[in-house]
Amino acid sequence: MPHPSRFRFIRSLTLGCLLASTAIAFVFSCHSDHSSPTQPVVNPSPTPRGAVPTPTPMGAVPTPTPMGVMPTATPPPAAHMVNVGQNGNNFLDQQSGSSTTTITAGQTVQWNWVGSFHSSTSGNCCTPDGKWDSGVMSSGTFSHTFSSPGNFPYFCTVHGSLMTGMVVVSP
């Protein structure tokens, strides 16, 4: 039978090794190259040559000042759509749902033929005033840009007083 003091020594040695290896494993598990830092990492971009850096408040991440950036031009407004001949003899503005189209000066109205033979002809029914005339069409589109404010009546030369519309142009 082994000596009791030797048994205690081996048991103490084993327990000590176990505690040491647990402590080492704990220390190494707390450090990882994949762990998140406790403070944000700041990698400031250099300010391009000739640019003046924007002052950055304490603790904030600086943003580089762009060079040569031009403001984007505002695109022209989209044309206002009017369906021609939708569900019969009518002009149907896609925004108002009626035969009246309201726009501002400089905007364009686009008439889209969806059925039958019609025209978009400027003037009070049934006398053309010469501002625009699509001619008689059964498909396709016709556009006119309105440069000045006013009320602009129009009609279909095929259907006369049965098919009229109005473009109201504000300044």
Protein backbone atom coordinates (compact mmCIF):
# COMPACT_ATOMS: atom_id res chain seq x y z
CA MET A 1 0.00 0.00 0.00
CA PRO A 2 1.37 3.45 -0.92
CA HIS A 3 2.52 5.76 1.75
CA PRO A 4 -0.28 8.21 2.86
CA SER A 5 1.91 11.32 2.59
CA ARG A 6 2.89 10.31 -0.95
CA PHE A 7 -0.82 9.90 -1.83
CA ARG A 8 -1.57 13.41 -0.51
CA PHE A 9 1.37 14.81 -2.47
CA ILE A 10 0.14 13.23 -5.74
CA ARG A 11 -3.41 14.40 -5.07
CA SER A 12 -2.17 17.96 -4.33
CA LEU A 13 0.04 17.90 -7.43
CA THR A 14 -2.86 16.71 -9.60
CA LEU A 15 -5.22 19.30 -8.15
CA GLY A 16 -2.61 22.04 -8.60
CA CYS A 17 -2.02 21.07 -12.24
CA LEU A 18 -5.73 21.01 -12.86
CA LEU A 19 -6.17 24.48 -11.34
CA ALA A 20 -3.16 25.85 -13.25
CA SER A 21 -4.35 24.46 -16.58
CA THR A 22 -7.86 25.85 -15.96
CA ALA A 23 -6.41 29.28 -15.16
CA ILE A 24 -4.23 29.21 -18.29
CA ALA A 25 -7.18 28.13 -20.45
CA PHE A 26 -9.28 30.94 -18.97
CA VAL A 27 -6.58 33.55 -19.65
CA PHE A 28 -6.19 32.44 -23.28
CA SER A 29 -9.93 32.23 -23.88
CA CYS A 30 -10.33 35.86 -22.80
CA HIS A 31 -7.92 37.07 -25.47
CA SER A 32 -8.79 36.48 -29.11
CA ASP A 33 -7.85 38.21 -32.31
CA HIS A 34 -11.53 37.97 -33.27
CA SER A 35 -12.98 39.66 -30.22
CA SER A 36 -14.48 43.15 -30.42
CA PRO A 37 -12.37 45.96 -28.99
CA THR A 38 -13.74 47.82 -26.03
CA GLN A 39 -12.96 51.18 -27.68
CA PRO A 40 -13.76 52.07 -31.31
CA VAL A 41 -10.87 51.74 -33.71
CA VAL A 42 -10.24 55.05 -35.46
CA ASN A 43 -8.61 54.88 -38.86
CA PRO A 44 -8.79 58.46 -40.06
CA SER A 45 -8.46 58.99 -43.78
CA PRO A 46 -5.87 61.55 -44.78
CA THR A 47 -7.20 64.91 -45.95
CA PRO A 48 -6.68 65.23 -49.72
CA ARG A 49 -4.04 67.74 -50.82
CA GLY A 50 -5.52 71.23 -51.08
CA ALA A 51 -8.60 70.45 -48.98
CA VAL A 52 -9.23 72.09 -45.64
CA PRO A 53 -10.13 69.58 -42.94
CA THR A 54 -13.38 70.09 -41.08
CA PRO A 55 -12.85 70.47 -37.31
CA THR A 56 -13.89 67.29 -35.54
CA PRO A 57 -15.43 67.32 -32.05
CA MET A 58 -13.54 65.40 -29.37
CA GLY A 59 -14.22 61.68 -29.54
CA ALA A 60 -15.84 61.80 -33.00
CA VAL A 61 -14.47 60.00 -36.03
CA PRO A 62 -13.22 62.49 -38.65
CA THR A 63 -14.74 62.44 -42.14
CA PRO A 64 -12.53 63.42 -45.08
CA THR A 65 -13.51 66.52 -47.06
CA PRO A 66 -14.25 65.45 -50.67
CA MET A 67 -12.43 67.27 -53.43
CA GLY A 68 -13.91 68.12 -56.79
CA VAL A 69 -17.43 67.09 -55.83
CA MET A 70 -19.99 69.03 -57.83
CA PRO A 71 -23.58 69.39 -56.67
CA THR A 72 -26.01 67.22 -58.61
CA ALA A 73 -28.30 69.14 -60.93
CA THR A 74 -32.00 68.81 -60.21
CA PRO A 75 -33.53 66.69 -62.97
CA PRO A 76 -36.36 68.27 -64.95
CA PRO A 77 -39.79 67.32 -63.67
CA ALA A 78 -41.38 64.31 -65.31
CA ALA A 79 -44.04 64.86 -67.95
CA HIS A 80 -47.63 64.86 -66.77
CA MET A 81 -49.43 61.98 -68.47
CA VAL A 82 -52.82 62.22 -70.14
CA ASN A 83 -54.39 59.08 -71.63
CA VAL A 84 -56.21 59.71 -74.91
CA GLY A 85 -59.26 57.56 -75.66
CA GLN A 86 -59.19 55.55 -72.45
CA ASN A 87 -62.68 54.02 -72.03
CA GLY A 88 -64.03 55.97 -75.02
CA ASN A 89 -63.88 59.56 -76.15
CA ASN A 90 -62.04 61.31 -73.33
CA PHE A 91 -58.77 62.83 -72.14
CA LEU A 92 -57.84 61.38 -68.73
CA ASP A 93 -55.10 63.09 -66.69
CA GLN A 94 -53.29 60.45 -64.62
CA GLN A 95 -52.91 62.72 -61.58
CA SER A 96 -56.28 64.44 -61.38
CA GLY A 97 -58.36 61.63 -62.86
CA SER A 98 -60.20 64.24 -64.93
CA SER A 99 -59.75 66.05 -68.26
CA THR A 100 -57.92 68.92 -66.49
CA THR A 101 -54.13 68.83 -66.12
CA THR A 102 -52.50 71.28 -63.68
CA ILE A 103 -48.78 72.03 -64.04
CA THR A 104 -46.27 74.84 -63.53
CA ALA A 105 -44.62 76.85 -66.30
CA GLY A 106 -41.78 74.93 -67.93
CA GLN A 107 -43.37 71.52 -67.45
CA THR A 108 -44.44 69.11 -70.18
CA VAL A 109 -47.71 67.28 -70.82
CA GLN A 110 -47.51 63.96 -72.63
CA TRP A 111 -50.63 62.56 -74.28
CA ASN A 112 -50.62 58.75 -74.62
CA TRP A 113 -52.99 57.18 -77.16
CA VAL A 114 -54.66 54.08 -75.71
CA GLY A 115 -57.54 53.63 -78.16
CA SER A 116 -59.20 54.70 -81.42
CA PHE A 117 -58.48 57.75 -83.61
CA HIS A 118 -58.11 61.06 -81.76
CA SER A 119 -56.07 64.26 -81.71
CA SER A 120 -54.84 66.72 -79.10
CA THR A 121 -55.41 70.11 -80.71
CA SER A 122 -55.08 73.42 -78.86
CA GLY A 123 -57.97 75.88 -78.95
CA ASN A 124 -61.59 76.26 -77.92
CA CYS A 125 -63.78 73.64 -79.53
CA CYS A 126 -63.73 73.52 -82.37
CA THR A 127 -61.32 76.18 -83.60
CA PRO A 128 -57.58 75.38 -83.46
CA ASP A 129 -55.43 78.25 -82.17
CA GLY A 130 -52.11 76.89 -83.49
CA LYS A 131 -50.28 76.40 -80.18
CA TRP A 132 -50.04 72.61 -80.71
CA ASP A 133 -51.62 69.87 -82.76
CA SER A 134 -50.76 66.19 -82.57
CA GLY A 135 -52.64 65.35 -85.73
CA VAL A 136 -55.03 62.38 -85.74
CA MET A 137 -53.38 59.29 -84.22
CA SER A 138 -54.52 55.87 -83.02
CA SER A 139 -51.37 54.97 -80.99
CA GLY A 140 -48.15 56.57 -79.75
CA THR A 141 -47.47 59.73 -77.78
CA PHE A 142 -47.37 63.49 -78.29
CA SER A 143 -45.76 66.04 -75.91
CA HIS A 144 -45.93 69.80 -75.51
CA THR A 145 -43.98 71.97 -73.04
CA PHE A 146 -45.83 74.95 -71.59
CA SER A 147 -43.45 77.87 -71.05
CA SER A 148 -45.92 80.48 -69.79
CA PRO A 149 -48.80 80.51 -67.28
CA GLY A 150 -52.42 80.43 -68.41
CA ASN A 151 -55.41 78.22 -69.20
CA PHE A 152 -55.01 76.21 -72.40
CA PRO A 153 -58.14 74.49 -73.72
CA TYR A 154 -57.83 71.68 -76.25
CA PHE A 155 -60.05 69.22 -78.10
CA CYS A 156 -60.10 66.20 -80.41
CA THR A 157 -60.66 67.20 -84.04
CA VAL A 158 -62.42 63.86 -84.69
CA HIS A 159 -64.94 64.14 -81.83
CA GLY A 160 -65.22 67.92 -81.34
CA SER A 161 -67.24 69.04 -78.32
CA LEU A 162 -67.60 65.40 -77.14
CA MET A 163 -63.89 65.27 -76.28
CA THR A 164 -62.25 68.33 -74.66
CA GLY A 165 -59.58 69.01 -72.08
CA MET A 166 -57.80 71.82 -70.27
CA VAL A 167 -54.19 72.45 -69.22
CA VAL A 168 -53.89 74.92 -66.34
CA VAL A 169 -50.35 76.34 -66.07
CA SER A 170 -49.36 78.28 -62.94
CA PRO A 171 -46.21 80.46 -62.69
